[in-house]
């Protein structure tokens, strides 16, 4: 029997997962409660920028000429429950307002809405990032509500998507982690992921708590590595060292590795900041808060980087932003994404604007979202236009376009040739050769 799959929640994670499941050959039904999302996806359009996702979607959405027709969308819970053998929960788990803890209301609501329609054997699979202990609680809720009772099982299968590489990470994952309570759930998930497993993706079977912890532990480790090198950048600034050389030297140690060792203005986005805070909050609830007190300092170092970038820019323009024109290259929290949630680049731009600077932002993909968050900033249609008349240029999101840009061309339109590289990603020699004063966090000025 060919499995039929539903994907509950068609945001960033869900839309990617639904399209990838169709690509792997399954009949897929995506469900969302937002009609505008369903209409858009049904036309083969995605509500966010993610390289390769729209093409993948259009290859499978029913009704699009030349598509496989394996992917449809609905708002009907009963239809989804009747259709699916495996139901993936891909709904959002944001940070609670005014707290560190995770807001589980969307997950709880999705489980309740789906469960009461489950009248035949099925597997519900959580993919959302949740506090450890949630899976056991939700399994109890499903057993209580589902008409099919014990024939409906729960598994937990955390996602490890990197924005900008989400399609690749879903179709060719570096690992597949499944938290299960029985052989049937494991067997079904081995069927779902037979393609990637045949290609060599490791399939790791655990219990519920371990599967839930894998995601938050991985994000906490990455956050720690980023904040570590940023802390070293602060020491390098004080001691006259070069953090780029330091990172290269320690990165050759295979126990440390080179990835995530580029100092800059820190991490942001919709995952890392809220996930480490939720992890701290949950550890406190479990009585293990002392184990994660170091994450508070990781968070603090990360947030401090934004203020340090603002200070560096203020110094660069003579001590005050009043009457100064500031060009900001980058709005998205990372390249190859239009996501501006908790974006360090946009946060820095906003702080400078609030201190009287005339800020003009350019980002290849993130400006429509940036305008919604910070409508009072100036926006330009190109890097050249953003830099025109600028007293200082801030490079804050490491898009390839910015790394490859011609510094001499920008120099011809800037009022002052001062560039502050908030990502340590530009080539200092190229910029200095074009007449720019180049400065980066944790690096020598000359």
Protein backbone atom coordinates (compact mmCIF):
# COMPACT_ATOMS: atom_id res chain seq x y z
CA UNK A 1 0.00 0.00 0.00
CA UNK A 2 1.29 3.45 -0.92
CA UNK A 3 1.20 5.76 2.09
CA UNK A 4 -0.78 8.98 1.91
CA UNK A 5 0.65 11.93 3.80
CA UNK A 6 -0.85 15.10 5.25
CA UNK A 7 1.13 18.13 6.37
CA UNK A 8 -0.58 20.24 9.04
CA UNK A 9 0.65 23.83 8.83
CA UNK A 10 2.03 25.14 5.54
CA UNK A 11 4.42 27.85 6.66
CA UNK A 12 8.14 27.67 5.98
CA UNK A 13 8.61 24.16 7.38
CA UNK A 14 5.27 22.73 6.22
CA UNK A 15 5.35 24.02 2.63
CA UNK A 16 8.88 22.65 2.21
CA UNK A 17 8.00 19.30 3.78
CA UNK A 18 4.82 18.91 1.70
CA UNK A 19 6.62 19.63 -1.59
CA UNK A 20 9.49 17.29 -0.64
CA UNK A 21 7.13 14.44 0.28
CA UNK A 22 5.45 14.82 -3.14
CA UNK A 23 8.90 14.78 -4.75
CA UNK A 24 9.62 11.50 -2.94
CA UNK A 25 6.54 10.03 -4.64
CA UNK A 26 3.79 10.31 -2.02
CA UNK A 27 0.25 11.62 -2.42
CA UNK A 28 0.22 14.69 -0.14
CA UNK A 29 -2.52 16.90 1.31
CA UNK A 30 -1.43 20.12 3.00
CA UNK A 31 -3.72 21.76 5.56
CA UNK A 32 -3.71 25.29 6.91
CA UNK A 33 -6.22 27.53 8.67
CA UNK A 34 -5.15 30.63 6.68
CA UNK A 35 -7.15 30.82 3.40
CA UNK A 36 -4.65 33.20 1.77
CA UNK A 37 -1.85 30.65 2.28
CA UNK A 38 -3.93 27.82 0.81
CA UNK A 39 -4.89 29.93 -2.22
CA UNK A 40 -1.29 30.95 -2.85
CA UNK A 41 0.14 27.44 -2.52
CA UNK A 42 -2.63 26.01 -4.72
CA UNK A 43 -1.39 28.38 -7.46
CA UNK A 44 2.12 27.00 -6.99
CA UNK A 45 3.40 30.15 -5.23
CA UNK A 46 5.23 30.28 -1.90
CA UNK A 47 4.70 33.03 0.70
CA UNK A 48 8.44 33.22 1.46
CA UNK A 49 11.72 33.21 -0.46
CA UNK A 50 13.51 29.87 -0.32
CA UNK A 51 15.80 28.82 -3.20
CA UNK A 52 14.28 25.98 -5.24
CA UNK A 53 11.06 25.70 -3.24
CA UNK A 54 8.66 27.31 -5.70
CA UNK A 55 10.02 25.18 -8.56
CA UNK A 56 9.60 22.04 -6.44
CA UNK A 57 6.07 23.05 -5.48
CA UNK A 58 5.05 23.78 -9.07
CA UNK A 59 6.33 20.36 -10.13
CA UNK A 60 3.70 18.67 -7.93
CA UNK A 61 0.69 20.92 -7.20
CA UNK A 62 -2.49 19.53 -8.74
CA UNK A 63 -3.95 21.66 -11.53
CA UNK A 64 -0.64 23.11 -12.72
CA UNK A 65 0.27 22.10 -16.25
CA UNK A 66 3.04 19.51 -16.33
CA UNK A 67 2.90 18.80 -12.57
CA UNK A 68 2.65 15.32 -11.03
CA UNK A 69 -0.61 16.35 -9.36
CA UNK A 70 0.46 14.59 -6.15
CA UNK A 71 0.09 17.68 -3.92
CA UNK A 72 -3.17 19.37 -2.92
CA UNK A 73 -4.23 21.77 -0.15
CA UNK A 74 -7.29 22.03 2.08
CA UNK A 75 -8.73 23.79 5.15
CA UNK A 76 -10.94 20.80 6.06
CA UNK A 77 -9.75 18.81 9.11
CA UNK A 78 -12.12 15.92 8.42
CA UNK A 79 -10.81 15.62 4.85
CA UNK A 80 -7.21 15.60 6.07
CA UNK A 81 -7.95 12.99 8.75
CA UNK A 82 -9.70 10.71 6.25
CA UNK A 83 -6.96 11.16 3.61
CA UNK A 84 -3.78 10.58 5.58
CA UNK A 85 -1.98 7.51 6.88
CA UNK A 86 0.81 9.71 8.26
CA UNK A 87 0.05 13.23 9.52
CA UNK A 88 3.05 15.60 9.94
CA UNK A 89 2.59 18.47 12.41
CA UNK A 90 4.56 21.45 11.10
CA UNK A 91 2.98 24.37 12.98
CA UNK A 92 4.76 27.32 14.53
CA UNK A 93 6.07 27.37 18.13
CA UNK A 94 6.97 31.03 18.77
CA UNK A 95 8.28 32.53 22.00
CA UNK A 96 5.54 33.56 24.44
CA UNK A 97 5.06 37.32 24.79
CA UNK A 98 6.95 38.58 27.82
CA UNK A 99 8.44 35.16 28.62
CA UNK A 100 11.27 32.89 27.52
CA UNK A 101 8.93 29.89 27.27
CA UNK A 102 7.62 28.38 24.04
CA UNK A 103 4.03 29.09 22.98
CA UNK A 104 2.46 25.66 22.39
CA UNK A 105 -1.04 26.96 21.58
CA UNK A 106 -0.74 26.32 17.81
CA UNK A 107 0.50 22.76 18.31
CA UNK A 108 -2.17 22.02 20.94
CA UNK A 109 -4.90 23.42 18.70
CA UNK A 110 -3.70 21.40 15.66
CA UNK A 111 -3.57 18.16 17.67
CA UNK A 112 -7.07 18.72 19.06
CA UNK A 113 -8.55 19.68 15.67
CA UNK A 114 -7.03 16.67 13.90
CA UNK A 115 -7.47 14.03 16.61
CA UNK A 116 -11.25 14.22 16.88
CA UNK A 117 -11.54 13.25 13.19
CA UNK A 118 -9.11 10.29 13.29
CA UNK A 119 -11.43 7.29 12.78
CA UNK A 120 -8.90 4.80 11.37
CA UNK A 121 -5.31 3.71 12.11
CA UNK A 122 -2.85 6.57 11.58
CA UNK A 123 0.50 7.94 12.69
CA UNK A 124 0.77 11.55 13.84
CA UNK A 125 4.35 12.84 13.53
CA UNK A 126 5.51 16.02 15.28
CA UNK A 127 8.15 18.06 13.46
CA UNK A 128 7.77 21.37 15.32
CA UNK A 129 10.42 22.37 17.87
CA UNK A 130 8.79 21.81 21.27
CA UNK A 131 9.78 21.73 24.96
CA UNK A 132 10.91 18.28 26.07
CA UNK A 133 7.95 16.37 27.54
CA UNK A 134 5.46 17.72 24.99
CA UNK A 135 5.32 14.51 22.91
CA UNK A 136 4.28 12.35 25.87
CA UNK A 137 1.57 14.87 26.79
CA UNK A 138 0.29 15.12 23.21
CA UNK A 139 0.25 11.31 22.83
CA UNK A 140 -2.13 11.21 25.80
CA UNK A 141 -4.28 13.92 24.25
CA UNK A 142 -4.55 12.03 20.94
CA UNK A 143 -5.49 8.79 22.75
CA UNK A 144 -8.20 10.69 24.62
CA UNK A 145 -9.71 12.45 21.58
CA UNK A 146 -9.25 10.13 18.56
CA UNK A 147 -12.27 7.90 17.78
CA UNK A 148 -9.78 5.26 16.58
CA UNK A 149 -8.17 5.27 20.07
CA UNK A 150 -5.04 3.13 20.34
CA UNK A 151 -4.84 2.69 16.56
CA UNK A 152 -3.53 6.26 16.35
CA UNK A 153 0.12 6.59 17.41
CA UNK A 154 2.43 9.57 17.84
CA UNK A 155 6.09 9.88 16.83
CA UNK A 156 8.48 12.81 17.08
CA UNK A 157 10.69 13.63 14.08
CA UNK A 158 12.47 16.99 14.57
CA UNK A 159 13.37 19.14 11.57
CA UNK A 160 16.90 20.39 10.94
CA UNK A 161 16.28 22.80 8.07
CA UNK A 162 18.73 25.58 7.32
CA UNK A 163 17.03 28.56 5.68
CA UNK A 164 18.47 28.89 2.20
CA UNK A 165 19.05 25.12 2.02
CA UNK A 166 15.65 23.81 3.14
CA UNK A 167 14.84 21.83 -0.01
CA UNK A 168 18.22 20.09 0.02
CA UNK A 169 17.99 19.44 3.78
CA UNK A 170 14.55 17.79 3.41
CA UNK A 171 15.35 15.64 0.39
CA UNK A 172 18.91 14.77 1.46
CA UNK A 173 19.00 15.13 5.27
CA UNK A 174 22.27 14.73 7.17
CA UNK A 175 20.32 12.65 9.73
CA UNK A 176 16.75 11.51 10.40
CA UNK A 177 15.81 11.33 14.07
CA UNK A 178 12.58 9.57 15.11
CA UNK A 179 11.28 9.31 18.65
CA UNK A 180 8.83 6.38 18.81
CA UNK A 181 7.09 4.14 21.33
CA UNK A 182 6.48 1.15 19.09
CA UNK A 183 7.67 -0.84 16.08
CA UNK A 184 4.71 0.18 13.88
CA UNK A 185 5.59 3.87 14.10
CA UNK A 186 9.23 3.15 13.29
CA UNK A 187 8.25 0.93 10.35
CA UNK A 188 5.97 3.63 8.87
CA UNK A 189 8.66 6.29 9.18
CA UNK A 190 11.21 3.99 7.54
CA UNK A 191 8.76 3.74 4.62
CA UNK A 192 8.36 7.53 4.47
CA UNK A 193 12.13 8.12 4.48
CA UNK A 194 13.14 5.06 2.42
CA UNK A 195 14.57 7.29 -0.35
CA UNK A 196 16.95 9.37 1.81
CA UNK A 197 17.92 6.30 3.89
CA UNK A 198 18.83 4.42 0.69
CA UNK A 199 21.08 7.38 -0.21
CA UNK A 200 22.88 7.04 3.10
CA UNK A 201 21.07 9.39 5.52
CA UNK A 202 21.50 7.94 9.04
CA UNK A 203 18.18 6.85 10.62
CA UNK A 204 18.37 7.31 14.40
CA UNK A 205 15.63 5.76 16.56
CA UNK A 206 15.16 7.18 20.07
CA UNK A 207 12.53 7.72 22.74
CA UNK A 208 10.31 10.84 22.82
CA UNK A 209 12.42 13.01 25.18
CA UNK A 210 15.68 12.37 23.31
CA UNK A 211 14.11 13.20 19.93
CA UNK A 212 12.72 16.46 21.35
CA UNK A 213 16.09 17.33 22.94
CA UNK A 214 18.15 16.69 19.77
CA UNK A 215 16.82 19.81 18.04
CA UNK A 216 17.21 22.18 21.01
CA UNK A 217 20.62 20.71 21.88
CA UNK A 218 21.84 21.17 18.28
CA UNK A 219 20.64 24.78 18.15
CA UNK A 220 22.16 25.51 21.56
CA UNK A 221 25.52 24.14 20.43
CA UNK A 222 25.49 26.25 17.24
CA UNK A 223 24.50 29.35 19.21
CA UNK A 224 27.33 28.65 21.67
CA UNK A 225 29.88 28.35 18.86
CA UNK A 226 28.76 31.62 17.26
CA UNK A 227 28.79 33.51 20.57
CA UNK A 228 32.16 31.98 21.48
CA UNK A 229 33.88 33.45 18.42
CA UNK A 230 32.08 36.75 18.97
CA UNK A 231 33.39 36.82 22.54
CA UNK A 232 36.88 36.18 21.13
CA UNK A 233 36.33 39.13 18.76
CA UNK A 234 35.72 41.37 21.78
CA UNK A 235 38.97 40.14 23.36
CA UNK A 236 40.80 40.66 20.04
CA UNK A 237 39.52 44.26 19.90
CA UNK A 238 40.86 44.89 23.40
CA UNK A 239 44.19 43.13 22.80
CA UNK A 240 44.87 44.20 19.20
CA UNK A 241 44.48 40.69 17.80
CA UNK A 242 42.80 39.51 14.60
CA UNK A 243 39.73 37.30 15.14
CA UNK A 244 39.79 36.09 11.51
CA UNK A 245 43.29 34.68 11.94
CA UNK A 246 42.35 33.26 15.33
CA UNK A 247 39.27 31.51 13.86
CA UNK A 248 41.30 30.05 11.02
CA UNK A 249 43.94 28.71 13.39
CA UNK A 250 41.55 27.05 15.86
CA UNK A 251 39.29 25.82 13.01
CA UNK A 252 42.06 23.51 11.76
CA UNK A 253 41.58 21.50 14.97
CA UNK A 254 39.11 18.85 13.81
CA UNK A 255 37.60 18.72 17.31
CA UNK A 256 36.55 22.36 16.83
CA UNK A 257 36.01 22.66 13.06
CA UNK A 258 35.78 25.78 10.90
CA UNK A 259 32.02 26.18 10.54
CA UNK A 260 30.21 28.91 12.50
CA UNK A 261 33.49 30.58 13.46
CA UNK A 262 33.05 33.85 11.55
CA UNK A 263 32.76 36.69 14.04
CA UNK A 264 30.18 39.38 13.40
CA UNK A 265 26.93 40.88 14.63
CA UNK A 266 25.56 37.53 15.78
CA UNK A 267 22.68 35.21 15.06
CA UNK A 268 18.98 35.93 14.64
CA UNK A 269 16.03 34.47 12.79
CA UNK A 270 12.94 32.60 13.90
CA UNK A 271 14.75 29.62 15.46
CA UNK A 272 18.02 30.01 17.34
CA UNK A 273 17.14 32.93 19.69
CA UNK A 274 13.69 31.63 20.71
CA UNK A 275 14.84 27.99 20.87
CA UNK A 276 17.66 28.61 23.35
CA UNK A 277 15.36 30.77 25.50
CA UNK A 278 12.63 28.10 25.48
CA UNK A 279 15.27 25.49 26.37
CA UNK A 280 16.34 27.54 29.40
CA UNK A 281 12.71 27.99 30.47
CA UNK A 282 11.96 24.27 30.16
CA UNK A 283 15.12 23.29 32.05
CA UNK A 284 13.91 25.55 34.87
CA UNK A 285 10.54 23.79 34.93
CA UNK A 286 12.33 20.43 35.12
CA UNK A 287 14.57 21.59 37.97
CA UNK A 288 17.68 21.44 35.76
CA UNK A 289 18.06 25.19 35.22
CA UNK A 290 21.68 25.25 36.47
CA UNK A 291 22.68 22.98 33.57
CA UNK A 292 21.76 25.70 31.08
CA UNK A 293 22.73 28.94 32.83
CA UNK A 294 25.56 29.30 30.28
CA UNK A 295 22.92 29.85 27.57
CA UNK A 296 21.92 33.11 29.25
CA UNK A 297 25.46 34.39 28.63
CA UNK A 298 25.39 33.05 25.04
CA UNK A 299 22.19 35.06 24.46
CA UNK A 300 23.70 38.11 26.15
CA UNK A 301 26.90 38.04 24.05
CA UNK A 302 24.77 37.69 20.92
CA UNK A 303 22.52 40.65 21.71
CA UNK A 304 25.52 42.78 22.75
CA UNK A 305 27.05 42.43 19.27
CA UNK A 306 24.27 44.56 17.77
CA UNK A 307 24.95 47.42 20.15
CA UNK A 308 28.70 47.20 19.50
CA UNK A 309 28.06 47.53 15.76
CA UNK A 310 25.99 50.66 16.37
CA UNK A 311 28.81 52.08 18.53
CA UNK A 312 31.39 51.34 15.82
CA UNK A 313 29.22 53.13 13.26
CA UNK A 314 28.69 56.12 15.55
CA UNK A 315 32.43 56.46 16.10
CA UNK A 316 32.97 56.18 12.35
CA UNK A 317 30.75 59.18 11.61
CA UNK A 318 32.29 61.38 14.29
CA UNK A 319 30.30 60.60 17.44
CA UNK A 320 26.73 61.39 16.38
CA UNK A 321 24.34 60.08 13.74
CA UNK A 322 22.45 63.37 13.49
CA UNK A 323 22.49 64.53 9.87
CA UNK A 324 24.53 61.50 8.78
CA UNK A 325 23.56 59.18 5.93
CA UNK A 326 24.02 55.49 6.70
CA UNK A 327 23.83 52.75 4.04
CA UNK A 328 22.90 49.29 5.32
CA UNK A 329 23.58 46.33 3.04
CA UNK A 330 21.33 43.53 4.27
CA UNK A 331 17.98 43.18 6.01
CA UNK A 332 17.38 39.40 6.17
CA UNK A 333 18.84 37.59 9.18
CA UNK A 334 20.96 35.46 6.83
CA UNK A 335 21.64 35.27 3.07
CA UNK A 336 19.43 33.27 0.66
CA UNK A 337 16.36 34.09 2.74
CA UNK A 338 13.77 36.87 2.99
CA UNK A 339 13.24 36.18 6.71
CA UNK A 340 13.71 39.31 8.85
CA UNK A 341 12.51 37.80 12.16
CA UNK A 342 14.87 38.99 14.90
CA UNK A 343 17.30 40.08 12.17
CA UNK A 344 20.52 41.56 13.61
CA UNK A 345 20.91 43.64 10.41
CA UNK A 346 17.48 45.22 10.71
CA UNK A 347 17.90 45.68 14.46
CA UNK A 348 21.14 47.64 13.92
CA UNK A 349 19.52 49.72 11.16
CA UNK A 350 16.56 50.48 13.43
CA UNK A 351 18.79 51.52 16.37
CA UNK A 352 20.77 53.91 14.15
CA UNK A 353 17.54 55.38 12.76
CA UNK A 354 16.23 55.96 16.29
CA UNK A 355 19.47 57.82 17.09
CA UNK A 356 18.92 60.28 14.26
CA UNK A 357 20.72 58.62 11.34
CA UNK A 358 19.24 58.76 7.83
CA UNK A 359 19.30 55.02 7.11
CA UNK A 360 18.88 53.51 3.65
CA UNK A 361 18.60 49.70 3.44
CA UNK A 362 19.10 47.39 0.49
CA UNK A 363 18.60 43.60 0.54
CA UNK A 364 18.22 41.33 -2.51
CA UNK A 365 15.13 39.54 -1.11
CA UNK A 366 14.22 40.80 2.36
CA UNK A 367 12.96 44.35 1.72
CA UNK A 368 9.20 43.68 1.44
CA UNK A 369 9.27 42.00 4.88
CA UNK A 370 11.65 44.65 6.27
CA UNK A 371 9.28 47.44 5.20
CA UNK A 372 6.50 45.83 7.23
CA UNK A 373 8.68 45.69 10.36
CA UNK A 374 10.45 49.07 9.93
CA UNK A 375 8.37 51.21 7.54
CA UNK A 376 10.19 54.38 8.68
CA UNK A 377 13.59 53.30 7.31
CA UNK A 378 14.65 54.31 3.81
CA UNK A 379 14.89 51.58 1.18
CA UNK A 380 16.79 51.50 -2.11
CA UNK A 381 16.43 49.30 -5.20
CA UNK A 382 20.15 48.50 -5.41
CA UNK A 383 23.33 48.57 -3.35
CA UNK A 384 24.57 51.47 -5.48
CA UNK A 385 21.48 53.55 -4.68
CA UNK A 386 21.71 52.71 -0.97
CA UNK A 387 25.35 53.85 -0.84
CA UNK A 388 24.79 57.07 -2.84
CA UNK A 389 25.77 60.00 -0.57
CA UNK A 390 26.44 57.73 2.44
CA UNK A 391 28.82 58.76 5.23
CA UNK A 392 29.29 55.11 6.24
CA UNK A 393 28.39 51.74 4.70
CA UNK A 394 27.42 48.82 6.95
CA UNK A 395 27.63 45.29 5.54
CA UNK A 396 25.25 43.29 7.76
CA UNK A 397 23.97 40.26 5.76
CA UNK A 398 26.56 38.26 3.81
CA UNK A 399 24.79 37.89 0.47
CA UNK A 400 27.02 36.78 -2.39
CA UNK A 401 25.98 39.96 -4.25
CA UNK A 402 27.68 42.03 -1.54
CA UNK A 403 30.80 39.85 -1.40
CA UNK A 404 31.23 40.17 -5.17
CA UNK A 405 30.28 43.84 -5.51
CA UNK A 406 32.78 46.28 -7.08
CA UNK A 407 34.04 48.51 -4.23
CA UNK A 408 35.39 51.07 -6.73
CA UNK A 409 31.91 51.55 -8.21
CA UNK A 410 30.45 52.14 -4.76
CA UNK A 411 33.33 54.49 -3.90
CA UNK A 412 32.34 56.73 -6.81
CA UNK A 413 28.92 57.50 -5.23
CA UNK A 414 29.65 57.46 -1.46
CA UNK A 415 30.17 60.72 0.43
CA UNK A 416 32.80 59.06 2.64
CA UNK A 417 34.62 55.80 1.94
CA UNK A 418 34.13 54.02 5.24
CA UNK A 419 32.83 50.43 5.24
CA UNK A 420 32.09 48.48 8.42
CA UNK A 421 31.91 44.75 7.77
CA UNK A 422 29.50 43.33 10.34
CA UNK A 423 29.95 39.82 8.95
CA UNK A 424 33.72 39.62 8.35
CA UNK A 425 32.87 38.39 4.86
CA UNK A 426 34.24 41.10 2.54
CA UNK A 427 37.81 41.08 1.19
CA UNK A 428 39.62 43.87 3.11
CA UNK A 429 42.42 44.13 0.50
CA UNK A 430 39.94 44.72 -2.37
CA UNK A 431 38.07 47.42 -0.47
CA UNK A 432 41.21 49.17 0.74
CA UNK A 433 42.65 49.09 -2.80
CA UNK A 434 39.50 50.91 -3.96
CA UNK A 435 40.14 53.71 -1.45
CA UNK A 436 37.91 52.54 1.38
CA UNK A 437 38.69 52.55 5.09
CA UNK A 438 37.71 48.99 6.00
CA UNK A 439 36.82 48.02 9.55
CA UNK A 440 35.43 44.79 10.96
CA UNK A 441 34.65 43.57 14.47
CA UNK A 442 37.66 42.00 16.18
CA UNK A 443 40.13 42.89 13.42
CA UNK A 444 43.00 45.38 13.14
CA UNK A 445 42.07 48.71 11.54
CA UNK A 446 45.02 48.75 9.15
